[in-house]
Amino acid sequence: MVTLHPNILEQEGKKQFVILPYSEFIALQEELQDYYDLKELQEAKEKEKDAPTVSFAEAQRSLGLV
């Protein structure tokens, strides 16, 4: 989890913008990318959960590697 130190800018008394230190912005981007990668992985695994599989040993034998 990224610890953020935001500076809130107001316009006409309403919160309008947030300023973050650059290092926190980059860390936040990386956290979001990790989240989206994990979400895509979970979706792919769900989609392929019933697909036929072979063990690593079976794959090696079928490819003539053993």
N, C-alpha and C. Protein backbone atom coordinates (compact mmCIF):
# COMPACT_ATOMS: atom_id res chain seq x y z
N MET A 1 0.85 -1.18 0.00
CA MET A 1 0.00 0.00 0.00
C MET A 1 0.88 1.23 0.00
N VAL A 2 0.55 2.17 -0.84
CA VAL A 2 1.30 3.40 -0.97
C VAL A 2 0.77 4.42 0.05
N THR A 3 1.67 5.04 0.77
CA THR A 3 1.29 6.13 1.66
C THR A 3 1.35 7.43 0.87
N LEU A 4 0.24 8.15 0.85
CA LEU A 4 0.16 9.37 0.07
C LEU A 4 0.17 10.60 0.97
N HIS A 5 0.78 11.65 0.46
CA HIS A 5 0.83 12.94 1.13
C HIS A 5 0.29 13.99 0.16
N PRO A 6 -1.06 13.99 -0.03
CA PRO A 6 -1.64 14.90 -1.02
C PRO A 6 -1.75 16.33 -0.52
N ASN A 7 -1.64 17.25 -1.44
CA ASN A 7 -1.96 18.66 -1.20
C ASN A 7 -3.22 18.94 -1.99
N ILE A 8 -4.26 19.35 -1.29
CA ILE A 8 -5.56 19.60 -1.92
C ILE A 8 -5.66 21.08 -2.27
N LEU A 9 -6.02 21.35 -3.51
CA LEU A 9 -6.24 22.72 -3.95
C LEU A 9 -7.73 22.96 -4.10
N GLU A 10 -8.17 24.07 -3.59
CA GLU A 10 -9.58 24.42 -3.66
C GLU A 10 -9.79 25.57 -4.63
N GLN A 11 -10.99 25.57 -5.19
CA GLN A 11 -11.39 26.65 -6.07
C GLN A 11 -12.82 27.02 -5.67
N GLU A 12 -12.99 28.25 -5.29
CA GLU A 12 -14.27 28.75 -4.81
C GLU A 12 -14.78 27.91 -3.63
N GLY A 13 -13.85 27.55 -2.75
CA GLY A 13 -14.20 26.82 -1.54
C GLY A 13 -14.48 25.34 -1.72
N LYS A 14 -14.30 24.81 -2.93
CA LYS A 14 -14.53 23.39 -3.18
C LYS A 14 -13.23 22.72 -3.60
N LYS A 15 -13.03 21.51 -3.11
CA LYS A 15 -11.84 20.75 -3.48
C LYS A 15 -11.88 20.46 -4.97
N GLN A 16 -10.80 20.83 -5.67
CA GLN A 16 -10.77 20.69 -7.12
C GLN A 16 -9.61 19.85 -7.64
N PHE A 17 -8.45 19.95 -6.99
CA PHE A 17 -7.25 19.30 -7.51
C PHE A 17 -6.44 18.69 -6.37
N VAL A 18 -5.65 17.70 -6.73
CA VAL A 18 -4.73 17.08 -5.78
C VAL A 18 -3.33 17.11 -6.37
N ILE A 19 -2.39 17.50 -5.57
CA ILE A 19 -0.98 17.48 -5.97
C ILE A 19 -0.28 16.45 -5.10
N LEU A 20 0.46 15.56 -5.77
CA LEU A 20 1.22 14.52 -5.07
C LEU A 20 2.70 14.69 -5.36
N PRO A 21 3.56 14.30 -4.43
CA PRO A 21 4.98 14.22 -4.78
C PRO A 21 5.14 13.23 -5.94
N TYR A 22 6.07 13.52 -6.82
CA TYR A 22 6.24 12.70 -8.03
C TYR A 22 6.47 11.23 -7.68
N SER A 23 7.28 10.96 -6.67
CA SER A 23 7.58 9.57 -6.30
C SER A 23 6.30 8.84 -5.86
N GLU A 24 5.40 9.53 -5.19
CA GLU A 24 4.13 8.91 -4.78
C GLU A 24 3.23 8.69 -5.99
N PHE A 25 3.26 9.60 -6.93
CA PHE A 25 2.48 9.45 -8.16
C PHE A 25 2.94 8.21 -8.92
N ILE A 26 4.26 8.03 -9.05
CA ILE A 26 4.80 6.86 -9.75
C ILE A 26 4.42 5.58 -9.00
N ALA A 27 4.55 5.58 -7.68
CA ALA A 27 4.19 4.41 -6.89
C ALA A 27 2.72 4.08 -7.05
N LEU A 28 1.87 5.09 -7.10
CA LEU A 28 0.44 4.89 -7.28
C LEU A 28 0.15 4.30 -8.66
N GLN A 29 0.83 4.79 -9.68
CA GLN A 29 0.67 4.23 -11.02
C GLN A 29 1.06 2.76 -11.05
N GLU A 30 2.16 2.42 -10.40
CA GLU A 30 2.62 1.03 -10.36
C GLU A 30 1.62 0.14 -9.63
N GLU A 31 1.07 0.63 -8.53
CA GLU A 31 0.05 -0.12 -7.79
C GLU A 31 -1.18 -0.37 -8.67
N LEU A 32 -1.60 0.65 -9.41
CA LEU A 32 -2.75 0.49 -10.29
C LEU A 32 -2.46 -0.50 -11.41
N GLN A 33 -1.26 -0.43 -11.97
CA GLN A 33 -0.91 -1.37 -13.04
C GLN A 33 -0.89 -2.80 -12.51
N ASP A 34 -0.34 -3.00 -11.31
CA ASP A 34 -0.35 -4.32 -10.69
C ASP A 34 -1.78 -4.82 -10.50
N TYR A 35 -2.67 -3.92 -10.05
CA TYR A 35 -4.07 -4.29 -9.86
C TYR A 35 -4.70 -4.74 -11.18
N TYR A 36 -4.49 -3.95 -12.23
CA TYR A 36 -5.08 -4.30 -13.52
C TYR A 36 -4.48 -5.59 -14.09
N ASP A 37 -3.18 -5.80 -13.88
CA ASP A 37 -2.55 -7.05 -14.32
C ASP A 37 -3.17 -8.24 -13.59
N LEU A 38 -3.35 -8.11 -12.28
CA LEU A 38 -3.95 -9.18 -11.50
C LEU A 38 -5.38 -9.45 -11.94
N LYS A 39 -6.13 -8.39 -12.20
CA LYS A 39 -7.51 -8.53 -12.66
C LYS A 39 -7.56 -9.28 -14.00
N GLU A 40 -6.66 -8.94 -14.92
CA GLU A 40 -6.61 -9.63 -16.21
C GLU A 40 -6.23 -11.09 -16.04
N LEU A 41 -5.29 -11.38 -15.15
CA LEU A 41 -4.87 -12.75 -14.90
C LEU A 41 -6.05 -13.55 -14.34
N GLN A 42 -6.76 -12.99 -13.39
CA GLN A 42 -7.91 -13.69 -12.81
C GLN A 42 -8.98 -13.96 -13.86
N GLU A 43 -9.22 -13.00 -14.75
CA GLU A 43 -10.20 -13.19 -15.82
C GLU A 43 -9.75 -14.28 -16.79
N ALA A 44 -8.48 -14.30 -17.13
CA ALA A 44 -7.96 -15.32 -18.04
C ALA A 44 -8.04 -16.70 -17.41
N LYS A 45 -7.70 -16.79 -16.13
CA LYS A 45 -7.77 -18.08 -15.44
C LYS A 45 -9.22 -18.57 -15.37
N GLU A 46 -10.14 -17.68 -15.12
CA GLU A 46 -11.56 -18.05 -15.06
C GLU A 46 -12.03 -18.54 -16.43
N LYS A 47 -11.61 -17.85 -17.48
CA LYS A 47 -12.02 -18.21 -18.84
C LYS A 47 -11.48 -19.59 -19.23
N GLU A 48 -10.29 -19.92 -18.78
CA GLU A 48 -9.63 -21.17 -19.17
C GLU A 48 -9.73 -22.28 -18.12
N LYS A 49 -10.55 -22.08 -17.09
CA LYS A 49 -10.56 -23.05 -15.99
C LYS A 49 -10.97 -24.45 -16.41
N ASP A 50 -11.75 -24.59 -17.46
CA ASP A 50 -12.20 -25.91 -17.91
C ASP A 50 -11.41 -26.42 -19.11
N ALA A 51 -10.37 -25.71 -19.51
CA ALA A 51 -9.56 -26.13 -20.66
C ALA A 51 -8.76 -27.38 -20.29
N PRO A 52 -8.57 -28.27 -21.25
CA PRO A 52 -7.78 -29.47 -20.97
C PRO A 52 -6.32 -29.09 -20.67
N THR A 53 -5.70 -29.85 -19.81
CA THR A 53 -4.32 -29.58 -19.43
C THR A 53 -3.49 -30.85 -19.51
N VAL A 54 -2.18 -30.67 -19.56
CA VAL A 54 -1.23 -31.79 -19.47
C VAL A 54 -0.18 -31.41 -18.44
N SER A 55 0.39 -32.40 -17.80
CA SER A 55 1.43 -32.13 -16.83
C SER A 55 2.72 -31.74 -17.55
N PHE A 56 3.64 -31.16 -16.80
CA PHE A 56 4.93 -30.78 -17.38
C PHE A 56 5.66 -32.02 -17.89
N ALA A 57 5.61 -33.10 -17.14
CA ALA A 57 6.27 -34.35 -17.55
C ALA A 57 5.67 -34.88 -18.84
N GLU A 58 4.34 -34.82 -18.96
CA GLU A 58 3.67 -35.27 -20.20
C GLU A 58 4.09 -34.41 -21.38
N ALA A 59 4.17 -33.12 -21.18
CA ALA A 59 4.58 -32.20 -22.24
C ALA A 59 6.00 -32.52 -22.69
N GLN A 60 6.88 -32.76 -21.74
CA GLN A 60 8.28 -33.09 -22.07
C GLN A 60 8.33 -34.37 -22.91
N ARG A 61 7.57 -35.38 -22.48
CA ARG A 61 7.58 -36.64 -23.22
C ARG A 61 7.02 -36.45 -24.63
N SER A 62 5.91 -35.72 -24.76
CA SER A 62 5.30 -35.54 -26.07
C SER A 62 6.19 -34.73 -27.02
N LEU A 63 7.06 -33.91 -26.47
CA LEU A 63 7.99 -33.13 -27.29
C LEU A 63 9.33 -33.83 -27.47
N GLY A 64 9.47 -35.02 -26.89
CA GLY A 64 10.69 -35.79 -27.02
C GLY A 64 11.86 -35.20 -26.26
N LEU A 65 11.59 -34.52 -25.16
CA LEU A 65 12.65 -33.89 -24.37
C LEU A 65 13.16 -34.78 -23.25
N VAL A 66 12.50 -35.91 -23.04
CA VAL A 66 12.91 -36.81 -21.96
C VAL A 66 13.25 -38.15 -22.55
